[in-house]
Amino acid sequence: MKNTKKQNEFPAGWNAARVKRVIAHHERQTDAEAAAENELAYRSTKATIMKVPVKLVPEV
């Protein structure tokens, strides 16, 4: 028997409307605004960014 339930295309808490809002936000940004937003992401105190060798990604 084939499963006819449609699988959600988006992560939990996301839907097509939210995706469209995020896309619109980024399309409206100037290059300077986008660069400033990227810089702020690196200064976050809630997450960290690390360089991980590709070979080790499955382990992380």
N, C-alpha and C. Protein backbone atom coordinates (compact mmCIF):
# COMPACT_ATOMS: atom_id res chain seq x y z
N MET A 1 0.84 -1.17 0.00
CA MET A 1 0.00 0.00 0.00
C MET A 1 0.89 1.24 0.00
N LYS A 2 0.61 2.16 -0.89
CA LYS A 2 1.40 3.37 -1.03
C LYS A 2 0.96 4.41 0.01
N ASN A 3 1.95 5.05 0.64
CA ASN A 3 1.67 6.09 1.62
C ASN A 3 1.22 7.34 0.87
N THR A 4 -0.01 7.78 1.10
CA THR A 4 -0.54 8.93 0.37
C THR A 4 -0.45 10.23 1.16
N LYS A 5 0.02 10.15 2.41
CA LYS A 5 0.16 11.35 3.22
C LYS A 5 1.27 12.22 2.64
N LYS A 6 0.96 13.48 2.41
CA LYS A 6 1.95 14.40 1.86
C LYS A 6 2.98 14.75 2.93
N GLN A 7 4.24 14.58 2.61
CA GLN A 7 5.31 14.89 3.54
C GLN A 7 5.56 16.40 3.52
N ASN A 8 5.75 17.00 4.70
CA ASN A 8 6.03 18.42 4.80
C ASN A 8 7.36 18.71 4.10
N GLU A 9 7.38 19.73 3.27
CA GLU A 9 8.58 20.10 2.53
C GLU A 9 9.51 20.99 3.35
N PHE A 10 9.03 21.48 4.49
CA PHE A 10 9.77 22.46 5.27
C PHE A 10 10.11 21.93 6.66
N PRO A 11 11.16 22.50 7.27
CA PRO A 11 11.48 22.12 8.65
C PRO A 11 10.34 22.54 9.58
N ALA A 12 10.34 21.98 10.77
CA ALA A 12 9.32 22.33 11.76
C ALA A 12 9.28 23.84 11.98
N GLY A 13 8.08 24.39 11.99
CA GLY A 13 7.91 25.82 12.21
C GLY A 13 8.00 26.67 10.94
N TRP A 14 8.30 26.05 9.84
CA TRP A 14 8.43 26.77 8.57
C TRP A 14 7.29 26.37 7.64
N ASN A 15 6.93 27.30 6.76
CA ASN A 15 5.94 27.01 5.72
C ASN A 15 6.26 27.89 4.51
N ALA A 16 5.50 27.76 3.45
CA ALA A 16 5.79 28.50 2.21
C ALA A 16 5.75 30.01 2.44
N ALA A 17 4.83 30.48 3.25
CA ALA A 17 4.72 31.93 3.49
C ALA A 17 5.98 32.45 4.19
N ARG A 18 6.47 31.71 5.16
CA ARG A 18 7.68 32.13 5.88
C ARG A 18 8.88 32.15 4.94
N VAL A 19 8.99 31.14 4.11
CA VAL A 19 10.10 31.08 3.15
C VAL A 19 10.04 32.29 2.22
N LYS A 20 8.84 32.63 1.75
CA LYS A 20 8.70 33.80 0.85
C LYS A 20 9.09 35.09 1.55
N ARG A 21 8.76 35.22 2.84
CA ARG A 21 9.14 36.42 3.59
C ARG A 21 10.66 36.52 3.73
N VAL A 22 11.32 35.40 4.00
CA VAL A 22 12.78 35.40 4.14
C VAL A 22 13.43 35.77 2.80
N ILE A 23 12.95 35.19 1.72
CA ILE A 23 13.49 35.50 0.39
C ILE A 23 13.30 36.99 0.08
N ALA A 24 12.10 37.50 0.34
CA ALA A 24 11.83 38.93 0.07
C ALA A 24 12.76 39.81 0.89
N HIS A 25 13.00 39.46 2.15
CA HIS A 25 13.90 40.23 3.01
C HIS A 25 15.29 40.32 2.38
N HIS A 26 15.81 39.19 1.94
CA HIS A 26 17.17 39.18 1.38
C HIS A 26 17.23 39.87 0.02
N GLU A 27 16.17 39.80 -0.75
CA GLU A 27 16.16 40.47 -2.05
C GLU A 27 16.10 41.99 -1.91
N ARG A 28 15.54 42.49 -0.82
CA ARG A 28 15.43 43.94 -0.60
C ARG A 28 16.72 44.54 -0.04
N GLN A 29 17.58 43.71 0.53
CA GLN A 29 18.80 44.21 1.17
C GLN A 29 19.81 44.74 0.16
N THR A 30 20.48 45.79 0.57
CA THR A 30 21.63 46.25 -0.21
C THR A 30 22.80 45.34 0.14
N ASP A 31 23.87 45.43 -0.63
CA ASP A 31 25.07 44.63 -0.33
C ASP A 31 25.62 44.99 1.05
N ALA A 32 25.59 46.28 1.39
CA ALA A 32 26.10 46.73 2.70
C ALA A 32 25.25 46.16 3.83
N GLU A 33 23.93 46.16 3.66
CA GLU A 33 23.04 45.61 4.69
C GLU A 33 23.27 44.10 4.86
N ALA A 34 23.45 43.41 3.75
CA ALA A 34 23.70 41.96 3.82
C ALA A 34 25.02 41.67 4.53
N ALA A 35 26.04 42.47 4.22
CA ALA A 35 27.34 42.28 4.86
C ALA A 35 27.24 42.55 6.36
N ALA A 36 26.50 43.58 6.75
CA ALA A 36 26.33 43.90 8.17
C ALA A 36 25.59 42.77 8.89
N GLU A 37 24.58 42.21 8.25
CA GLU A 37 23.83 41.10 8.84
C GLU A 37 24.74 39.89 9.03
N ASN A 38 25.59 39.62 8.05
CA ASN A 38 26.54 38.50 8.16
C ASN A 38 27.52 38.72 9.31
N GLU A 39 28.01 39.94 9.45
CA GLU A 39 28.95 40.25 10.54
C GLU A 39 28.29 40.02 11.90
N LEU A 40 27.02 40.41 12.03
CA LEU A 40 26.32 40.21 13.29
C LEU A 40 26.18 38.73 13.63
N ALA A 41 26.01 37.91 12.63
CA ALA A 41 25.88 36.46 12.86
C ALA A 41 27.15 35.91 13.50
N TYR A 42 28.29 36.43 13.13
CA TYR A 42 29.56 35.96 13.69
C TYR A 42 29.75 36.41 15.13
N ARG A 43 28.99 37.42 15.54
CA ARG A 43 29.13 37.95 16.90
C ARG A 43 28.08 37.38 17.85
N SER A 44 27.28 36.47 17.39
CA SER A 44 26.22 35.88 18.20
C SER A 44 26.77 35.23 19.46
N THR A 45 26.06 35.37 20.56
CA THR A 45 26.45 34.70 21.80
C THR A 45 25.61 33.44 22.02
N LYS A 46 24.73 33.12 21.07
CA LYS A 46 23.87 31.95 21.19
C LYS A 46 24.31 30.79 20.33
N ALA A 47 25.26 31.03 19.45
CA ALA A 47 25.74 29.98 18.55
C ALA A 47 27.20 30.26 18.23
N THR A 48 27.85 29.26 17.68
CA THR A 48 29.25 29.44 17.30
C THR A 48 29.45 28.90 15.89
N ILE A 49 30.45 29.40 15.24
CA ILE A 49 30.79 28.95 13.89
C ILE A 49 32.19 28.37 13.97
N MET A 50 32.34 27.15 13.46
CA MET A 50 33.63 26.48 13.49
C MET A 50 33.97 25.94 12.12
N LYS A 51 35.24 25.83 11.88
CA LYS A 51 35.73 25.20 10.68
C LYS A 51 35.95 23.72 11.01
N VAL A 52 35.27 22.84 10.27
CA VAL A 52 35.39 21.40 10.51
C VAL A 52 35.81 20.74 9.20
N PRO A 53 36.85 19.93 9.22
CA PRO A 53 37.23 19.23 8.00
C PRO A 53 36.05 18.41 7.46
N VAL A 54 35.86 18.44 6.16
CA VAL A 54 34.73 17.77 5.52
C VAL A 54 34.64 16.31 5.95
N LYS A 55 35.76 15.64 6.04
CA LYS A 55 35.77 14.22 6.44
C LYS A 55 35.13 14.00 7.80
N LEU A 56 35.21 14.99 8.68
CA LEU A 56 34.71 14.83 10.05
C LEU A 56 33.26 15.28 10.22
N VAL A 57 32.68 15.91 9.24
CA VAL A 57 31.31 16.42 9.36
C VAL A 57 30.33 15.34 9.80
N PRO A 58 30.37 14.13 9.25
CA PRO A 58 29.42 13.11 9.72
C PRO A 58 29.57 12.79 11.21
N GLU A 59 30.75 12.96 11.75
CA GLU A 59 30.99 12.68 13.17
C GLU A 59 30.45 13.79 14.06
N VAL A 60 30.45 15.00 13.52
CA VAL A 60 29.97 16.16 14.30
C VAL A 60 28.47 16.11 14.35
